[in-house]
Protein backbone atom coordinates (compact mmCIF):
# COMPACT_ATOMS: atom_id res chain seq x y z
CA MET A 1 -2.19 31.36 -12.83
CA PRO A 2 -3.34 34.89 -13.98
CA PHE A 3 -5.43 36.91 -11.50
CA ASN A 4 -8.55 38.18 -12.57
CA ASN A 5 -9.30 40.48 -9.47
CA GLU A 6 -7.83 41.60 -6.36
CA GLU A 7 -10.02 39.24 -4.41
CA GLU A 8 -7.88 36.27 -6.31
CA ILE A 9 -4.58 38.33 -5.51
CA ASN A 10 -5.41 38.51 -1.92
CA ALA A 11 -6.37 34.60 -1.55
CA GLU A 12 -3.29 33.58 -3.48
CA ARG A 13 -1.20 36.03 -1.20
CA LYS A 14 -2.15 34.39 2.35
CA LYS A 15 -0.31 31.25 1.25
CA TRP A 16 2.98 33.38 1.57
CA VAL A 17 2.07 36.01 4.44
CA LEU A 18 4.57 35.78 7.24
CA SER A 19 3.75 35.56 11.06
CA ASP A 20 4.75 38.39 13.27
CA TYR A 21 7.47 36.16 14.72
CA GLU A 22 8.44 35.16 11.05
CA PHE A 23 8.82 38.54 9.59
CA ARG A 24 10.74 40.01 13.16
CA THR A 25 13.19 37.27 12.34
CA ASN A 26 13.19 37.92 8.91
CA PHE A 27 13.66 41.57 9.21
CA ASN A 28 16.47 41.38 11.51
CA SER A 29 18.68 39.17 9.23
CA VAL A 30 17.96 41.81 6.45
CA PHE A 31 18.71 44.70 8.64
CA ASN A 32 21.91 43.50 9.83
CA GLU A 33 22.88 42.52 6.51
CA LEU A 34 22.04 46.05 5.32
CA ILE A 35 24.34 47.46 8.01
CA LEU A 36 27.32 45.02 7.04
CA THR A 37 27.00 45.86 3.21
CA GLY A 38 26.20 49.98 3.52
CA GLY A 39 29.53 50.21 5.87
CA ASN A 40 27.02 52.19 7.84
CA GLU A 41 27.70 54.28 11.13
CA PRO A 42 25.43 56.72 12.97
CA SER A 43 25.88 60.39 11.31
CA ILE A 44 27.31 62.94 13.45
CA HIS A 45 25.70 65.30 11.84
CA ARG A 46 22.50 65.91 10.01
CA PRO A 47 21.63 62.26 8.48
CA LYS A 48 20.75 62.05 4.80
CA PHE A 49 17.81 60.44 2.88
CA ILE A 50 18.39 60.31 -0.90
CA MET A 51 15.61 58.97 -2.95
CA ILE A 52 17.24 57.98 -6.46
CA GLY A 53 14.52 58.11 -9.10
CA GLY A 54 14.55 57.25 -12.77
CA GLN A 55 12.95 54.79 -15.19
CA ALA A 56 13.36 51.16 -15.00
CA GLY A 57 16.43 50.41 -16.88
CA CYS A 58 18.13 53.80 -16.99
CA GLY A 59 21.21 52.69 -14.94
CA LYS A 60 19.88 54.13 -11.49
CA SER A 61 22.66 51.85 -9.55
CA MET A 62 25.29 53.83 -11.16
CA LEU A 63 23.60 56.89 -9.60
CA VAL A 64 23.26 54.87 -6.10
CA GLY A 65 27.21 54.05 -6.23
CA LYS A 66 27.77 57.69 -6.88
CA GLU A 67 25.64 59.25 -3.95
CA PHE A 68 26.74 56.69 -1.79
CA GLN A 69 30.49 57.20 -2.31
CA SER A 70 29.51 61.16 -1.41
CA LEU A 71 28.52 60.24 2.25
CA GLU A 72 31.00 60.47 4.65
CA ASN A 73 29.32 57.55 6.81
CA GLY A 74 28.24 55.14 4.29
CA ALA A 75 24.16 54.38 3.77
CA MET A 76 21.74 51.78 4.05
CA ILE A 77 20.71 51.16 0.46
CA ILE A 78 17.00 50.20 -0.04
CA ASP A 79 16.92 48.29 -3.35
CA GLN A 80 13.50 46.85 -3.73
CA ASP A 81 14.33 44.57 -6.45
CA GLU A 82 17.07 42.82 -3.78
CA LEU A 83 14.81 42.91 -0.94
CA ARG A 84 11.97 41.10 -2.75
CA THR A 85 14.22 38.17 -2.80
CA LYS A 86 14.60 38.09 1.07
CA HIS A 87 11.03 36.80 1.68
CA PRO A 88 11.78 33.49 3.40
CA ALA A 89 10.02 31.64 0.61
CA TYR A 90 11.17 33.61 -2.14
CA LYS A 91 12.75 30.78 -4.59
CA GLN A 92 9.31 28.82 -4.40
CA ILE A 93 7.43 32.03 -5.33
CA HIS A 94 10.00 32.52 -7.81
CA ASP A 95 9.66 29.21 -9.17
CA GLU A 96 5.85 28.90 -9.23
CA TYR A 97 4.30 32.36 -10.60
CA THR A 98 5.42 34.76 -13.37
CA GLU A 99 7.21 37.95 -13.16
CA ARG A 100 3.87 40.22 -12.78
CA GLU A 101 2.36 37.38 -10.09
CA GLU A 102 5.25 37.51 -8.12
CA PHE A 103 5.24 41.25 -8.24
CA LEU A 104 1.82 41.25 -6.92
CA LEU A 105 2.24 38.64 -4.36
CA LEU A 106 5.52 40.06 -2.56
CA LYS A 107 3.98 43.64 -2.67
CA ARG A 108 2.71 44.20 0.82
CA TYR A 109 5.92 42.15 2.35
CA LEU A 110 8.15 44.36 0.28
CA ASP A 111 6.21 47.64 1.58
CA GLN A 112 6.01 46.24 5.32
CA LEU A 113 9.90 45.67 5.04
CA VAL A 114 11.15 48.81 3.32
CA ASN A 115 8.71 50.94 6.02
CA THR A 116 10.38 48.92 8.79
CA ILE A 117 13.80 49.55 7.59
CA ILE A 118 13.27 53.25 7.63
CA ASP A 119 11.91 53.14 10.97
CA TYR A 120 14.65 51.41 12.63
CA ALA A 121 17.31 53.27 10.55
CA LYS A 122 15.70 56.49 11.77
CA LYS A 123 16.43 55.61 15.13
CA GLU A 124 19.82 54.86 14.27
CA ARG A 125 20.36 58.13 12.79
CA PHE A 126 21.60 55.98 9.61
CA ASN A 127 21.90 57.77 5.96
CA LEU A 128 19.53 56.09 3.85
CA ILE A 129 19.31 55.66 0.04
CA LEU A 130 15.87 54.66 -1.61
CA GLU A 131 15.42 53.90 -5.49
CA SER A 132 12.16 54.27 -7.35
CA ALA A 133 11.13 54.08 -10.73
CA LEU A 134 8.80 56.93 -10.08
CA ARG A 135 5.90 55.33 -11.59
CA SER A 136 3.84 55.68 -8.22
CA VAL A 137 5.17 57.92 -5.43
CA SER A 138 2.57 58.04 -2.71
CA LYS A 139 4.24 55.78 -0.60
CA PHE A 140 7.74 57.22 -1.45
CA ILE A 141 6.09 60.88 -0.15
CA LYS A 142 5.15 59.32 2.98
CA ASN A 143 8.44 57.68 3.44
CA THR A 144 10.25 61.27 2.61
CA GLN A 145 7.91 63.30 4.92
CA ASP A 146 8.73 60.69 7.78
CA VAL A 147 12.40 61.05 7.74
CA ARG A 148 12.26 64.93 7.33
CA GLN A 149 10.16 65.01 10.52
CA ASP A 150 12.90 63.47 12.16
CA ASP A 151 15.21 66.18 10.73
CA TYR A 152 17.07 64.34 7.63
CA HIS A 153 18.51 66.16 4.76
CA THR A 154 16.11 65.00 1.93
CA LYS A 155 17.22 64.92 -1.42
CA LEU A 156 15.85 63.58 -4.80
CA SER A 157 18.53 62.72 -7.36
CA ILE A 158 17.03 61.63 -10.68
CA LEU A 159 18.79 59.80 -13.82
CA ALA A 160 17.41 61.34 -17.10
CA VAL A 161 17.62 58.79 -19.66
CA HIS A 162 15.57 58.54 -22.87
CA PRO A 163 12.86 56.15 -22.66
CA ASP A 164 14.25 54.19 -25.81
CA GLU A 165 17.45 53.87 -24.48
CA ALA A 166 16.30 52.76 -20.97
CA ASN A 167 14.07 50.44 -22.71
CA LEU A 168 16.92 49.25 -24.56
CA SER A 169 19.24 48.55 -21.66
CA MET A 170 16.55 46.94 -19.91
CA PHE A 171 16.39 44.19 -22.80
CA THR A 172 20.42 44.36 -23.06
CA ARG A 173 20.13 43.71 -19.13
CA PHE A 174 17.77 40.70 -19.57
CA CYS A 175 20.32 39.08 -22.20
CA THR A 176 23.33 39.52 -20.19
CA PHE A 177 21.57 37.66 -17.11
CA LEU A 178 20.40 35.08 -19.57
CA LYS A 179 24.21 34.43 -20.94
CA LYS A 180 25.46 34.42 -17.64
CA GLU A 181 22.90 32.41 -15.15
CA GLY A 182 20.66 30.77 -17.82
CA GLU A 183 17.64 33.09 -16.54
CA CYS A 184 16.37 36.42 -15.78
CA ARG A 185 13.53 37.66 -13.63
CA ARG A 186 14.21 41.47 -14.15
CA ASN A 187 11.70 43.79 -15.22
CA THR A 188 11.30 43.93 -19.18
CA ARG A 189 7.86 45.82 -19.55
CA VAL A 190 8.32 48.72 -21.78
CA ASP A 191 7.36 51.65 -20.35
CA GLU A 192 5.15 53.83 -22.86
CA ASP A 193 3.77 56.31 -20.22
CA SER A 194 7.15 57.19 -18.26
CA VAL A 195 7.77 60.15 -20.70
CA ILE A 196 4.41 61.42 -19.18
CA LYS A 197 4.35 60.07 -15.71
CA ILE A 198 7.78 60.79 -14.39
CA PRO A 199 7.91 64.35 -14.92
CA GLU A 200 4.23 64.41 -13.24
CA ASN A 201 5.34 62.89 -10.44
CA ILE A 202 8.73 64.76 -10.18
CA GLU A 203 6.16 67.92 -10.22
CA LYS A 204 4.13 66.42 -7.96
CA MET A 205 6.50 66.19 -5.32
CA ASP A 206 8.39 69.35 -6.00
CA ARG A 207 4.99 71.20 -5.34
CA LEU A 208 5.23 69.38 -1.82
CA GLY A 209 8.52 70.99 -1.21
CA ILE A 210 9.64 67.70 0.56
CA PHE A 211 13.17 67.89 -0.47
CA ASP A 212 15.94 70.15 0.35
CA ASP A 213 17.45 69.42 -3.26
CA ILE A 214 16.08 67.74 -6.51
CA THR A 215 19.06 67.29 -8.95
CA ILE A 216 19.27 65.66 -12.65
CA SER A 217 22.13 63.70 -13.98
CA LYS A 218 23.00 62.14 -17.23
CA ARG A 219 24.70 58.95 -17.68
CA GLY A 220 28.54 59.11 -17.59
CA ASN A 221 31.05 57.92 -19.60
CA GLU A 222 34.80 56.85 -19.86
CA SER A 223 35.94 59.68 -18.66
CA THR A 224 33.87 59.94 -15.40
CA LYS A 225 34.48 56.04 -15.04
CA PHE A 226 30.70 55.80 -16.29
CA LEU A 227 29.64 57.55 -13.03
CA PRO A 228 26.56 59.90 -13.96
CA ILE A 229 26.93 63.56 -14.63
CA GLN A 230 24.82 65.90 -12.61
CA VAL A 231 23.67 68.69 -15.11
CA TYR A 232 20.81 70.28 -12.85
CA SER A 233 20.44 71.46 -9.22
CA GLN A 234 17.19 72.99 -7.89
CA ARG A 235 19.16 74.65 -5.00
CA GLN A 236 21.25 76.22 -7.48
CA THR A 237 19.28 76.93 -10.28
CA PRO A 238 15.72 77.62 -8.28
CA ASN A 239 14.26 79.46 -11.31
CA ILE A 240 14.38 76.11 -13.43
CA PRO A 241 11.53 73.69 -12.52
CA PRO A 242 13.14 70.31 -11.95
CA ALA A 243 10.43 68.74 -14.41
CA TYR A 244 11.26 70.74 -17.18
CA ALA A 245 14.79 70.14 -16.41
CA TYR A 246 14.45 66.23 -16.47
CA LYS A 247 12.33 66.48 -20.07
CA THR A 248 15.23 68.87 -21.72
CA ALA A 249 17.92 66.26 -20.39
CA ILE A 250 16.30 63.20 -21.68
CA ASN A 251 15.43 64.49 -24.89
CA GLN A 252 19.11 65.62 -25.60
CA GLU A 253 20.35 62.00 -26.23
CA ARG A 254 18.13 60.24 -28.33
CA VAL A 255 18.94 56.72 -30.03
CA SER A 256 19.21 57.00 -33.64
CA GLU A 257 17.47 54.53 -35.82
CA GLU A 258 20.47 52.97 -37.27
CA GLU A 259 21.82 52.56 -33.49
CA PHE A 260 18.14 51.17 -32.74
CA GLU A 261 18.54 48.49 -35.59
CA LYS A 262 21.56 47.47 -34.78
CA ARG A 263 20.95 46.79 -30.89
CA TYR A 264 17.61 45.31 -31.57
CA HIS A 265 19.38 42.73 -34.47
CA GLU A 266 21.90 41.94 -31.83
CA LEU A 267 19.26 41.19 -28.88
CA ARG A 268 16.94 39.03 -30.87
CA PRO A 269 18.95 36.06 -31.73
CA ILE A 270 19.79 36.00 -28.01
CA LEU A 271 16.12 35.88 -27.36
CA GLU A 272 15.52 33.35 -29.62
CA SER A 273 18.58 31.00 -28.81
CA TYR A 274 17.03 31.00 -25.11
CA LYS A 275 13.41 30.61 -26.66
CA GLN A 276 12.09 33.42 -24.43
CA GLN A 277 8.84 34.02 -26.45
CA VAL A 278 7.51 36.50 -24.29
CA GLN A 279 10.67 38.54 -24.24
CA LEU A 280 10.67 38.23 -28.03
CA GLU A 281 7.13 39.77 -28.47
CA ARG A 282 8.13 42.45 -26.20
CA LEU A 283 11.13 43.28 -27.97
CA ASP A 284 9.13 42.99 -31.60
CA ALA A 285 6.34 45.24 -30.24
CA PHE A 286 8.80 48.26 -28.68
CA TYR A 287 10.64 47.83 -32.11
CA SER A 288 7.33 48.30 -34.01
CA GLN A 289 6.17 51.28 -31.71
CA PHE A 290 9.68 52.84 -32.34
CA LYS A 291 9.51 52.29 -35.84
CA ALA A 292 5.82 53.65 -36.27
CA ARG A 293 6.76 56.82 -34.15
CA LYS A 294 9.95 57.58 -36.26
CA GLU A 295 7.72 57.12 -39.41
CA GLN A 296 5.14 59.99 -37.84
CA GLU A 297 8.02 62.15 -36.99
CA ARG A 298 9.06 61.73 -40.62
CA GLU A 299 5.57 62.54 -42.10
CA SER A 300 5.21 65.71 -39.63
CA SER A 301 8.35 67.22 -40.96
CA GLY A 302 7.99 66.33 -44.34
CA GLN A 303 10.88 64.03 -44.63
CA PHE A 304 10.99 60.47 -45.83
CA PRO A 305 13.38 57.70 -45.96
CA THR A 306 15.80 57.52 -48.88
CA GLY A 307 13.63 55.57 -51.74
CA HIS A 308 10.36 56.61 -50.38
């Protein structure tokens, strides 16, 4: 059911609100699971809070893995996509609502869960790793300021991937899940504003001075076992603004038209075979936007495709 306004969202959300007791029980289960999976021990030195940033589909999980490996005492990894599934009624919500509706209905639960995890982790002096797509950063700024007040070393670690590549990777991930599990509810919304929004938010957080270091990494390759490669550190090169370093990095590895065409024609038949009409429309719209943008670039440079 599409929501027309905030009032309708709130009315539907009330059906799934947990009581204080239900939330506390749910939180205890999630927190204990995070301790077990993170191999976490209280830090004997200054604990670390690492925010992993990057556009949806860029491969942040690989950067999470690299940062996790760098920590002696492990870390509590806050993956918001994963935590959303910890709501006791998640399966029912997942089955009854669309991807967007599910996101809206569980947003307050997720915010409460993330904030409570951070509060309790701080008391235990656990290292923390938190993922963000850097689309809206107000709550993450507050999280960072809170841990900083508790003497955490703070770092913003960003994976820079060109938006065309990140968006193609989202569809590839979706198709991989389709073939493996028969369905996928992961995000495939093409983010046309990320080129502007992410650098703006990097600059916004930089001005606040809430991070001890801001680093930029690029996707790795076979020689690095596909772990991301760091190409910038604000602490090491303070004369270069991190937003500029990010924009430079994403523009160094663009997707060629030939590569785009090849991957588009590989993805489309998969979506067709699984009758994924919404995803097909998104993919086709992305394809049209890409082609139109390339045509504008050719016209601006005075170049035309062969046979024009």
